[in-house]
Amino acid sequence: LLSLLMALFSTVLPVYFLSEGIRRIGSSHASMIGFIGPVITIF
C-alpha cells in the first residue's frame, strides 16, 4: 500500500504536475514555489 501510494502521489503525479505547471507559469516561478517543500516535509 505504501509503495503504491508513493508511486502515485510522490512519483508519477508530481512529475506530471510539475511538468504541466512549468509549462503554464515558467520554470523560475515554479522553482520559487518549490521552496515550500522542506517546510512540508518537516511538518
ModelCIF file with pLDDT and N, C-alpha, C, O atoms, coordinates in Angstrom:
data_MODEL
#
_entry.id   MODEL 
#
_entity.id                         1 
_entity.type                       polymer 
_entity.pdbx_number_of_molecules   1 
#
_entity_poly.entity_id                      1 
_entity_poly.type                           'polypeptide(L)' 
_entity_poly.nstd_linkage                   no 
_entity_poly.nstd_monomer                   no 
_entity_poly.pdbx_seq_one_letter_code       LLSLLMALFSTVLPVYFLSEGIRRIGSSHASMIGFIGPVITIF 
_entity_poly.pdbx_seq_one_letter_code_can   LLSLLMALFSTVLPVYFLSEGIRRIGSSHASMIGFIGPVITIF 
_entity_poly.pdbx_strand_id                 A 
#
loop_
_entity_poly_seq.entity_id 
_entity_poly_seq.num 
_entity_poly_seq.mon_id 
_entity_poly_seq.hetero 
1 1  LEU n 
1 2  LEU n 
1 3  SER n 
1 4  LEU n 
1 5  LEU n 
1 6  MET n 
1 7  ALA n 
1 8  LEU n 
1 9  PHE n 
1 10 SER n 
1 11 THR n 
1 12 VAL n 
1 13 LEU n 
1 14 PRO n 
1 15 VAL n 
1 16 TYR n 
1 17 PHE n 
1 18 LEU n 
1 19 SER n 
1 20 GLU n 
1 21 GLY n 
1 22 ILE n 
1 23 ARG n 
1 24 ARG n 
1 25 ILE n 
1 26 GLY n 
1 27 SER n 
1 28 SER n 
1 29 HIS n 
1 30 ALA n 
1 31 SER n 
1 32 MET n 
1 33 ILE n 
1 34 GLY n 
1 35 PHE n 
1 36 ILE n 
1 37 GLY n 
1 38 PRO n 
1 39 VAL n 
1 40 ILE n 
1 41 THR n 
1 42 ILE n 
1 43 PHE n 
#
_struct_asym.id          A 
_struct_asym.entity_id   1 
#
loop_
_ma_qa_metric.id 
_ma_qa_metric.mode 
_ma_qa_metric.name 
_ma_qa_metric.software_group_id 
_ma_qa_metric.type 
1 global pLDDT . pLDDT 
2 local  pLDDT . pLDDT 
#
_ma_qa_metric_global.metric_id      1 
_ma_qa_metric_global.metric_value   84.40 
_ma_qa_metric_global.model_id       1 
_ma_qa_metric_global.ordinal_id     1 
#
loop_
_ma_qa_metric_local.label_asym_id 
_ma_qa_metric_local.label_comp_id 
_ma_qa_metric_local.label_seq_id 
_ma_qa_metric_local.metric_id 
_ma_qa_metric_local.metric_value 
_ma_qa_metric_local.model_id 
_ma_qa_metric_local.ordinal_id 
A LEU 1  2 97.00 1 1  
A LEU 2  2 97.00 1 2  
A SER 3  2 97.00 1 3  
A LEU 4  2 96.00 1 4  
A LEU 5  2 96.00 1 5  
A MET 6  2 96.00 1 6  
A ALA 7  2 95.00 1 7  
A LEU 8  2 95.00 1 8  
A PHE 9  2 94.00 1 9  
A SER 10 2 94.00 1 10 
A THR 11 2 91.00 1 11 
A VAL 12 2 91.00 1 12 
A LEU 13 2 92.00 1 13 
A PRO 14 2 90.00 1 14 
A VAL 15 2 84.00 1 15 
A TYR 16 2 85.00 1 16 
A PHE 17 2 87.00 1 17 
A LEU 18 2 83.00 1 18 
A SER 19 2 78.00 1 19 
A GLU 20 2 82.00 1 20 
A GLY 21 2 83.00 1 21 
A ILE 22 2 78.00 1 22 
A ARG 23 2 75.00 1 23 
A ARG 24 2 83.00 1 24 
A ILE 25 2 80.00 1 25 
A GLY 26 2 74.00 1 26 
A SER 27 2 64.00 1 27 
A SER 28 2 62.00 1 28 
A HIS 29 2 70.00 1 29 
A ALA 30 2 74.00 1 30 
A SER 31 2 69.00 1 31 
A MET 32 2 72.00 1 32 
A ILE 33 2 78.00 1 33 
A GLY 34 2 76.00 1 34 
A PHE 35 2 77.00 1 35 
A ILE 36 2 84.00 1 36 
A GLY 37 2 84.00 1 37 
A PRO 38 2 86.00 1 38 
A VAL 39 2 86.00 1 39 
A ILE 40 2 89.00 1 40 
A THR 41 2 89.00 1 41 
A ILE 42 2 87.00 1 42 
A PHE 43 2 89.00 1 43 
#
loop_
_atom_site.group_PDB 
_atom_site.id 
_atom_site.type_symbol 
_atom_site.label_atom_id 
_atom_site.label_alt_id 
_atom_site.label_comp_id 
_atom_site.label_asym_id 
_atom_site.label_entity_id 
_atom_site.label_seq_id 
_atom_site.pdbx_PDB_ins_code 
_atom_site.Cartn_x 
_atom_site.Cartn_y 
_atom_site.Cartn_z 
_atom_site.occupancy 
_atom_site.B_iso_or_equiv 
_atom_site.pdbx_formal_charge 
_atom_site.auth_seq_id 
_atom_site.auth_comp_id 
_atom_site.auth_asym_id 
_atom_site.auth_atom_id 
_atom_site.pdbx_PDB_model_num 
ATOM 1   N N  . LEU A 1 1  ? 0.832  -1.201 0.000   1.00 97.00 ? 1  LEU A N  1 
ATOM 2   C CA . LEU A 1 1  ? 0.000  0.000  0.000   1.00 97.00 ? 1  LEU A CA 1 
ATOM 3   C C  . LEU A 1 1  ? 0.868  1.252  0.000   1.00 97.00 ? 1  LEU A C  1 
ATOM 4   O O  . LEU A 1 1  ? 0.619  2.178  -0.772  1.00 97.00 ? 1  LEU A O  1 
ATOM 5   N N  . LEU A 1 2  ? 1.888  1.287  0.864   1.00 97.00 ? 2  LEU A N  1 
ATOM 6   C CA . LEU A 1 2  ? 2.761  2.455  0.934   1.00 97.00 ? 2  LEU A CA 1 
ATOM 7   C C  . LEU A 1 2  ? 3.531  2.641  -0.375  1.00 97.00 ? 2  LEU A C  1 
ATOM 8   O O  . LEU A 1 2  ? 3.731  3.769  -0.826  1.00 97.00 ? 2  LEU A O  1 
ATOM 9   N N  . SER A 1 3  ? 3.962  1.530  -0.982  1.00 97.00 ? 3  SER A N  1 
ATOM 10  C CA . SER A 1 3  ? 4.682  1.613  -2.260  1.00 97.00 ? 3  SER A CA 1 
ATOM 11  C C  . SER A 1 3  ? 3.786  2.153  -3.366  1.00 97.00 ? 3  SER A C  1 
ATOM 12  O O  . SER A 1 3  ? 4.215  2.969  -4.182  1.00 97.00 ? 3  SER A O  1 
ATOM 13  N N  . LEU A 1 4  ? 2.537  1.691  -3.386  1.00 96.00 ? 4  LEU A N  1 
ATOM 14  C CA . LEU A 1 4  ? 1.590  2.182  -4.387  1.00 96.00 ? 4  LEU A CA 1 
ATOM 15  C C  . LEU A 1 4  ? 1.302  3.665  -4.191  1.00 96.00 ? 4  LEU A C  1 
ATOM 16  O O  . LEU A 1 4  ? 1.265  4.429  -5.155  1.00 96.00 ? 4  LEU A O  1 
ATOM 17  N N  . LEU A 1 5  ? 1.099  4.069  -2.940  1.00 96.00 ? 5  LEU A N  1 
ATOM 18  C CA . LEU A 1 5  ? 0.853  5.487  -2.649  1.00 96.00 ? 5  LEU A CA 1 
ATOM 19  C C  . LEU A 1 5  ? 2.060  6.337  -3.035  1.00 96.00 ? 5  LEU A C  1 
ATOM 20  O O  . LEU A 1 5  ? 1.913  7.427  -3.588  1.00 96.00 ? 5  LEU A O  1 
ATOM 21  N N  . MET A 1 6  ? 3.257  5.826  -2.739  1.00 96.00 ? 6  MET A N  1 
ATOM 22  C CA . MET A 1 6  ? 4.478  6.555  -3.094  1.00 96.00 ? 6  MET A CA 1 
ATOM 23  C C  . MET A 1 6  ? 4.620  6.662  -4.607  1.00 96.00 ? 6  MET A C  1 
ATOM 24  O O  . MET A 1 6  ? 5.022  7.704  -5.124  1.00 96.00 ? 6  MET A O  1 
ATOM 25  N N  . ALA A 1 7  ? 4.292  5.586  -5.316  1.00 95.00 ? 7  ALA A N  1 
ATOM 26  C CA . ALA A 1 7  ? 4.384  5.600  -6.777  1.00 95.00 ? 7  ALA A CA 1 
ATOM 27  C C  . ALA A 1 7  ? 3.421  6.627  -7.375  1.00 95.00 ? 7  ALA A C  1 
ATOM 28  O O  . ALA A 1 7  ? 3.781  7.375  -8.284  1.00 95.00 ? 7  ALA A O  1 
ATOM 29  N N  . LEU A 1 8  ? 2.204  6.650  -6.855  1.00 95.00 ? 8  LEU A N  1 
ATOM 30  C CA . LEU A 1 8  ? 1.189  7.554  -7.405  1.00 95.00 ? 8  LEU A CA 1 
ATOM 31  C C  . LEU A 1 8  ? 1.403  9.002  -6.976  1.00 95.00 ? 8  LEU A C  1 
ATOM 32  O O  . LEU A 1 8  ? 1.488  9.903  -7.811  1.00 95.00 ? 8  LEU A O  1 
ATOM 33  N N  . PHE A 1 9  ? 1.489  9.213  -5.664  1.00 94.00 ? 9  PHE A N  1 
ATOM 34  C CA . PHE A 1 9  ? 1.447  10.575 -5.131  1.00 94.00 ? 9  PHE A CA 1 
ATOM 35  C C  . PHE A 1 9  ? 2.807  11.221 -4.925  1.00 94.00 ? 9  PHE A C  1 
ATOM 36  O O  . PHE A 1 9  ? 2.885  12.433 -4.728  1.00 94.00 ? 9  PHE A O  1 
ATOM 37  N N  . SER A 1 10 ? 3.899  10.424 -4.967  1.00 94.00 ? 10 SER A N  1 
ATOM 38  C CA . SER A 1 10 ? 5.228  11.015 -4.795  1.00 94.00 ? 10 SER A CA 1 
ATOM 39  C C  . SER A 1 10 ? 6.149  10.728 -5.969  1.00 94.00 ? 10 SER A C  1 
ATOM 40  O O  . SER A 1 10 ? 7.340  11.036 -5.916  1.00 94.00 ? 10 SER A O  1 
ATOM 41  N N  . THR A 1 11 ? 5.605  10.138 -7.032  1.00 91.00 ? 11 THR A N  1 
ATOM 42  C CA . THR A 1 11 ? 6.426  9.848  -8.210  1.00 91.00 ? 11 THR A CA 1 
ATOM 43  C C  . THR A 1 11 ? 5.702  10.268 -9.488  1.00 91.00 ? 11 THR A C  1 
ATOM 44  O O  . THR A 1 11 ? 6.097  11.237 -10.136 1.00 91.00 ? 11 THR A O  1 
ATOM 45  N N  . VAL A 1 12 ? 4.655  9.549  -9.847  1.00 91.00 ? 12 VAL A N  1 
ATOM 46  C CA . VAL A 1 12 ? 4.005  9.771  -11.142 1.00 91.00 ? 12 VAL A CA 1 
ATOM 47  C C  . VAL A 1 12 ? 3.299  11.125 -11.208 1.00 91.00 ? 12 VAL A C  1 
ATOM 48  O O  . VAL A 1 12 ? 3.590  11.940 -12.084 1.00 91.00 ? 12 VAL A O  1 
ATOM 49  N N  . LEU A 1 13 ? 2.379  11.360 -10.288 1.00 92.00 ? 13 LEU A N  1 
ATOM 50  C CA . LEU A 1 13 ? 1.607  12.606 -10.345 1.00 92.00 ? 13 LEU A CA 1 
ATOM 51  C C  . LEU A 1 13 ? 2.473  13.854 -10.173 1.00 92.00 ? 13 LEU A C  1 
ATOM 52  O O  . LEU A 1 13 ? 2.276  14.819 -10.911 1.00 92.00 ? 13 LEU A O  1 
ATOM 53  N N  . PRO A 1 14 ? 3.427  13.881 -9.228  1.00 90.00 ? 14 PRO A N  1 
ATOM 54  C CA . PRO A 1 14 ? 4.275  15.083 -9.127  1.00 90.00 ? 14 PRO A CA 1 
ATOM 55  C C  . PRO A 1 14 ? 5.078  15.358 -10.392 1.00 90.00 ? 14 PRO A C  1 
ATOM 56  O O  . PRO A 1 14 ? 5.251  16.516 -10.774 1.00 90.00 ? 14 PRO A O  1 
ATOM 57  N N  . VAL A 1 15 ? 5.578  14.297 -11.053 1.00 84.00 ? 15 VAL A N  1 
ATOM 58  C CA . VAL A 1 15 ? 6.317  14.506 -12.300 1.00 84.00 ? 15 VAL A CA 1 
ATOM 59  C C  . VAL A 1 15 ? 5.424  15.182 -13.339 1.00 84.00 ? 15 VAL A C  1 
ATOM 60  O O  . VAL A 1 15 ? 5.841  16.126 -14.011 1.00 84.00 ? 15 VAL A O  1 
ATOM 61  N N  . TYR A 1 16 ? 4.190  14.688 -13.463 1.00 85.00 ? 16 TYR A N  1 
ATOM 62  C CA . TYR A 1 16 ? 3.264  15.284 -14.428 1.00 85.00 ? 16 TYR A CA 1 
ATOM 63  C C  . TYR A 1 16 ? 2.857  16.696 -14.006 1.00 85.00 ? 16 TYR A C  1 
ATOM 64  O O  . TYR A 1 16 ? 2.862  17.618 -14.822 1.00 85.00 ? 16 TYR A O  1 
ATOM 65  N N  . PHE A 1 17 ? 2.504  16.861 -12.724 1.00 87.00 ? 17 PHE A N  1 
ATOM 66  C CA . PHE A 1 17 ? 2.065  18.176 -12.224 1.00 87.00 ? 17 PHE A CA 1 
ATOM 67  C C  . PHE A 1 17 ? 3.155  19.227 -12.417 1.00 87.00 ? 17 PHE A C  1 
ATOM 68  O O  . PHE A 1 17 ? 2.876  20.345 -12.849 1.00 87.00 ? 17 PHE A O  1 
ATOM 69  N N  . LEU A 1 18 ? 4.401  18.863 -12.094 1.00 83.00 ? 18 LEU A N  1 
ATOM 70  C CA . LEU A 1 18 ? 5.493  19.830 -12.221 1.00 83.00 ? 18 LEU A CA 1 
ATOM 71  C C  . LEU A 1 18 ? 5.728  20.192 -13.682 1.00 83.00 ? 18 LEU A C  1 
ATOM 72  O O  . LEU A 1 18 ? 5.923  21.362 -14.014 1.00 83.00 ? 18 LEU A O  1 
ATOM 73  N N  . SER A 1 19 ? 5.710  19.193 -14.547 1.00 78.00 ? 19 SER A N  1 
ATOM 74  C CA . SER A 1 19 ? 5.905  19.445 -15.971 1.00 78.00 ? 19 SER A CA 1 
ATOM 75  C C  . SER A 1 19 ? 4.822  20.378 -16.516 1.00 78.00 ? 19 SER A C  1 
ATOM 76  O O  . SER A 1 19 ? 5.118  21.335 -17.232 1.00 78.00 ? 19 SER A O  1 
ATOM 77  N N  . GLU A 1 20 ? 3.579  20.093 -16.172 1.00 82.00 ? 20 GLU A N  1 
ATOM 78  C CA . GLU A 1 20 ? 2.470  20.920 -16.644 1.00 82.00 ? 20 GLU A CA 1 
ATOM 79  C C  . GLU A 1 20 ? 2.492  22.291 -15.987 1.00 82.00 ? 20 GLU A C  1 
ATOM 80  O O  . GLU A 1 20 ? 2.176  23.292 -16.629 1.00 82.00 ? 20 GLU A O  1 
ATOM 81  N N  . GLY A 1 21 ? 2.861  22.345 -14.715 1.00 83.00 ? 21 GLY A N  1 
ATOM 82  C CA . GLY A 1 21 ? 2.944  23.631 -14.016 1.00 83.00 ? 21 GLY A CA 1 
ATOM 83  C C  . GLY A 1 21 ? 3.997  24.530 -14.615 1.00 83.00 ? 21 GLY A C  1 
ATOM 84  O O  . GLY A 1 21 ? 3.774  25.729 -14.780 1.00 83.00 ? 21 GLY A O  1 
ATOM 85  N N  . ILE A 1 22 ? 5.162  23.955 -14.947 1.00 78.00 ? 22 ILE A N  1 
ATOM 86  C CA . ILE A 1 22 ? 6.230  24.736 -15.577 1.00 78.00 ? 22 ILE A CA 1 
ATOM 87  C C  . ILE A 1 22 ? 5.771  25.271 -16.920 1.00 78.00 ? 22 ILE A C  1 
ATOM 88  O O  . ILE A 1 22 ? 6.087  26.404 -17.286 1.00 78.00 ? 22 ILE A O  1 
ATOM 89  N N  . ARG A 1 23 ? 5.030  24.462 -17.650 1.00 75.00 ? 23 ARG A N  1 
ATOM 90  C CA . ARG A 1 23 ? 4.518  24.914 -18.954 1.00 75.00 ? 23 ARG A CA 1 
ATOM 91  C C  . ARG A 1 23 ? 3.618  26.135 -18.800 1.00 75.00 ? 23 ARG A C  1 
ATOM 92  O O  . ARG A 1 23 ? 3.588  27.002 -19.672 1.00 75.00 ? 23 ARG A O  1 
ATOM 93  N N  . ARG A 1 24 ? 2.888  26.202 -17.695 1.00 83.00 ? 24 ARG A N  1 
ATOM 94  C CA . ARG A 1 24 ? 1.915  27.287 -17.511 1.00 83.00 ? 24 ARG A CA 1 
ATOM 95  C C  . ARG A 1 24 ? 2.502  28.546 -16.869 1.00 83.00 ? 24 ARG A C  1 
ATOM 96  O O  . ARG A 1 24 ? 2.075  29.653 -17.196 1.00 83.00 ? 24 ARG A O  1 
ATOM 97  N N  . ILE A 1 25 ? 3.471  28.399 -15.961 1.00 80.00 ? 25 ILE A N  1 
ATOM 98  C CA . ILE A 1 25 ? 3.972  29.577 -15.247 1.00 80.00 ? 25 ILE A CA 1 
ATOM 99  C C  . ILE A 1 25 ? 5.474  29.798 -15.405 1.00 80.00 ? 25 ILE A C  1 
ATOM 100 O O  . ILE A 1 25 ? 5.998  30.808 -14.936 1.00 80.00 ? 25 ILE A O  1 
ATOM 101 N N  . GLY A 1 26 ? 6.176  28.868 -16.060 1.00 74.00 ? 26 GLY A N  1 
ATOM 102 C CA . GLY A 1 26 ? 7.611  29.024 -16.254 1.00 74.00 ? 26 GLY A CA 1 
ATOM 103 C C  . GLY A 1 26 ? 8.426  28.376 -15.142 1.00 74.00 ? 26 GLY A C  1 
ATOM 104 O O  . GLY A 1 26 ? 7.952  28.214 -14.018 1.00 74.00 ? 26 GLY A O  1 
ATOM 105 N N  . SER A 1 27 ? 9.659  28.011 -15.476 1.00 64.00 ? 27 SER A N  1 
ATOM 106 C CA . SER A 1 27 ? 10.500 27.279 -14.529 1.00 64.00 ? 27 SER A CA 1 
ATOM 107 C C  . SER A 1 27 ? 10.947 28.138 -13.350 1.00 64.00 ? 27 SER A C  1 
ATOM 108 O O  . SER A 1 27 ? 11.067 27.630 -12.235 1.00 64.00 ? 27 SER A O  1 
ATOM 109 N N  . SER A 1 28 ? 11.195 29.427 -13.573 1.00 62.00 ? 28 SER A N  1 
ATOM 110 C CA . SER A 1 28 ? 11.679 30.279 -12.485 1.00 62.00 ? 28 SER A CA 1 
ATOM 111 C C  . SER A 1 28 ? 10.632 30.433 -11.395 1.00 62.00 ? 28 SER A C  1 
ATOM 112 O O  . SER A 1 28 ? 10.944 30.333 -10.209 1.00 62.00 ? 28 SER A O  1 
ATOM 113 N N  . HIS A 1 29 ? 9.369  30.680 -11.803 1.00 70.00 ? 29 HIS A N  1 
ATOM 114 C CA . HIS A 1 29 ? 8.304  30.805 -10.809 1.00 70.00 ? 29 HIS A CA 1 
ATOM 115 C C  . HIS A 1 29 ? 8.032  29.458 -10.131 1.00 70.00 ? 29 HIS A C  1 
ATOM 116 O O  . HIS A 1 29 ? 7.750  29.401 -8.934  1.00 70.00 ? 29 HIS A O  1 
ATOM 117 N N  . ALA A 1 30 ? 8.118  28.386 -10.905 1.00 74.00 ? 30 ALA A N  1 
ATOM 118 C CA . ALA A 1 30 ? 7.897  27.058 -10.335 1.00 74.00 ? 30 ALA A CA 1 
ATOM 119 C C  . ALA A 1 30 ? 8.949  26.739 -9.281  1.00 74.00 ? 30 ALA A C  1 
ATOM 120 O O  . ALA A 1 30 ? 8.633  26.157 -8.243  1.00 74.00 ? 30 ALA A O  1 
ATOM 121 N N  . SER A 1 31 ? 10.206 27.119 -9.544  1.00 69.00 ? 31 SER A N  1 
ATOM 122 C CA . SER A 1 31 ? 11.269 26.832 -8.578  1.00 69.00 ? 31 SER A CA 1 
ATOM 123 C C  . SER A 1 31 ? 11.065 27.608 -7.285  1.00 69.00 ? 31 SER A C  1 
ATOM 124 O O  . SER A 1 31 ? 11.389 27.114 -6.205  1.00 69.00 ? 31 SER A O  1 
ATOM 125 N N  . MET A 1 32 ? 10.528 28.823 -7.389  1.00 72.00 ? 32 MET A N  1 
ATOM 126 C CA . MET A 1 32 ? 10.264 29.610 -6.170  1.00 72.00 ? 32 MET A CA 1 
ATOM 127 C C  . MET A 1 32 ? 9.181  28.950 -5.318  1.00 72.00 ? 32 MET A C  1 
ATOM 128 O O  . MET A 1 32 ? 9.293  28.896 -4.093  1.00 72.00 ? 32 MET A O  1 
ATOM 129 N N  . ILE A 1 33 ? 8.136  28.451 -5.973  1.00 78.00 ? 33 ILE A N  1 
ATOM 130 C CA . ILE A 1 33 ? 7.056  27.776 -5.242  1.00 78.00 ? 33 ILE A CA 1 
ATOM 131 C C  . ILE A 1 33 ? 7.588  26.505 -4.590  1.00 78.00 ? 33 ILE A C  1 
ATOM 132 O O  . ILE A 1 33 ? 7.133  26.119 -3.513  1.00 78.00 ? 33 ILE A O  1 
ATOM 133 N N  . GLY A 1 34 ? 8.553  25.853 -5.242  1.00 76.00 ? 34 GLY A N  1 
ATOM 134 C CA . GLY A 1 34 ? 9.139  24.631 -4.705  1.00 76.00 ? 34 GLY A CA 1 
ATOM 135 C C  . GLY A 1 34 ? 9.847  24.823 -3.382  1.00 76.00 ? 34 GLY A C  1 
ATOM 136 O O  . GLY A 1 34 ? 10.174 23.845 -2.709  1.00 76.00 ? 34 GLY A O  1 
ATOM 137 N N  . PHE A 1 35 ? 10.092 26.075 -2.991  1.00 77.00 ? 35 PHE A N  1 
ATOM 138 C CA . PHE A 1 35 ? 10.754 26.336 -1.718  1.00 77.00 ? 35 PHE A CA 1 
ATOM 139 C C  . PHE A 1 35 ? 9.908  25.896 -0.528  1.00 77.00 ? 35 PHE A C  1 
ATOM 140 O O  . PHE A 1 35 ? 10.418 25.793 0.588   1.00 77.00 ? 35 PHE A O  1 
ATOM 141 N N  . ILE A 1 36 ? 8.646  25.639 -0.749  1.00 84.00 ? 36 ILE A N  1 
ATOM 142 C CA . ILE A 1 36 ? 7.794  25.197 0.348   1.00 84.00 ? 36 ILE A CA 1 
ATOM 143 C C  . ILE A 1 36 ? 8.058  23.731 0.694   1.00 84.00 ? 36 ILE A C  1 
ATOM 144 O O  . ILE A 1 36 ? 7.623  23.256 1.744   1.00 84.00 ? 36 ILE A O  1 
ATOM 145 N N  . GLY A 1 37 ? 8.770  23.009 -0.182  1.00 84.00 ? 37 GLY A N  1 
ATOM 146 C CA . GLY A 1 37 ? 8.997  21.582 0.002   1.00 84.00 ? 37 GLY A CA 1 
ATOM 147 C C  . GLY A 1 37 ? 9.574  21.183 1.344   1.00 84.00 ? 37 GLY A C  1 
ATOM 148 O O  . GLY A 1 37 ? 8.973  20.359 2.033   1.00 84.00 ? 37 GLY A O  1 
ATOM 149 N N  . PRO A 1 38 ? 10.727 21.736 1.754   1.00 86.00 ? 38 PRO A N  1 
ATOM 150 C CA . PRO A 1 38 ? 11.292 21.350 3.052   1.00 86.00 ? 38 PRO A CA 1 
ATOM 151 C C  . PRO A 1 38 ? 10.368 21.633 4.227   1.00 86.00 ? 38 PRO A C  1 
ATOM 152 O O  . PRO A 1 38 ? 10.336 20.876 5.198   1.00 86.00 ? 38 PRO A O  1 
ATOM 153 N N  . VAL A 1 39 ? 9.618  22.724 4.137   1.00 86.00 ? 39 VAL A N  1 
ATOM 154 C CA . VAL A 1 39 ? 8.677  23.056 5.216   1.00 86.00 ? 39 VAL A CA 1 
ATOM 155 C C  . VAL A 1 39 ? 7.607  21.975 5.329   1.00 86.00 ? 39 VAL A C  1 
ATOM 156 O O  . VAL A 1 39 ? 7.254  21.552 6.429   1.00 86.00 ? 39 VAL A O  1 
ATOM 157 N N  . ILE A 1 40 ? 7.092  21.530 4.178   1.00 89.00 ? 40 ILE A N  1 
ATOM 158 C CA . ILE A 1 40 ? 6.067  20.481 4.160   1.00 89.00 ? 40 ILE A CA 1 
ATOM 159 C C  . ILE A 1 40 ? 6.617  19.186 4.748   1.00 89.00 ? 40 ILE A C  1 
ATOM 160 O O  . ILE A 1 40 ? 5.942  18.524 5.536   1.00 89.00 ? 40 ILE A O  1 
ATOM 161 N N  . THR A 1 41 ? 7.852  18.821 4.363   1.00 89.00 ? 41 THR A N  1 
ATOM 162 C CA . THR A 1 41 ? 8.434  17.576 4.852   1.00 89.00 ? 41 THR A CA 1 
ATOM 163 C C  . THR A 1 41 ? 8.608  17.602 6.362   1.00 89.00 ? 41 THR A C  1 
ATOM 164 O O  . THR A 1 41 ? 8.281  16.629 7.042   1.00 89.00 ? 41 THR A O  1 
ATOM 165 N N  . ILE A 1 42 ? 9.118  18.702 6.886   1.00 87.00 ? 42 ILE A N  1 
ATOM 166 C CA . ILE A 1 42 ? 9.306  18.814 8.339   1.00 87.00 ? 42 ILE A CA 1 
ATOM 167 C C  . ILE A 1 42 ? 7.973  18.745 9.055   1.00 87.00 ? 42 ILE A C  1 
ATOM 168 O O  . ILE A 1 42 ? 7.865  18.117 10.108  1.00 87.00 ? 42 ILE A O  1 
ATOM 169 N N  . PHE A 1 43 ? 6.949  19.389 8.492   1.00 89.00 ? 43 PHE A N  1 
ATOM 170 C CA . PHE A 1 43 ? 5.612  19.350 9.102   1.00 89.00 ? 43 PHE A CA 1 
ATOM 171 C C  . PHE A 1 43 ? 5.059  17.928 9.078   1.00 89.00 ? 43 PHE A C  1 
ATOM 172 O O  . PHE A 1 43 ? 3.945  17.691 9.546   1.00 89.00 ? 43 PHE A O  1 
#
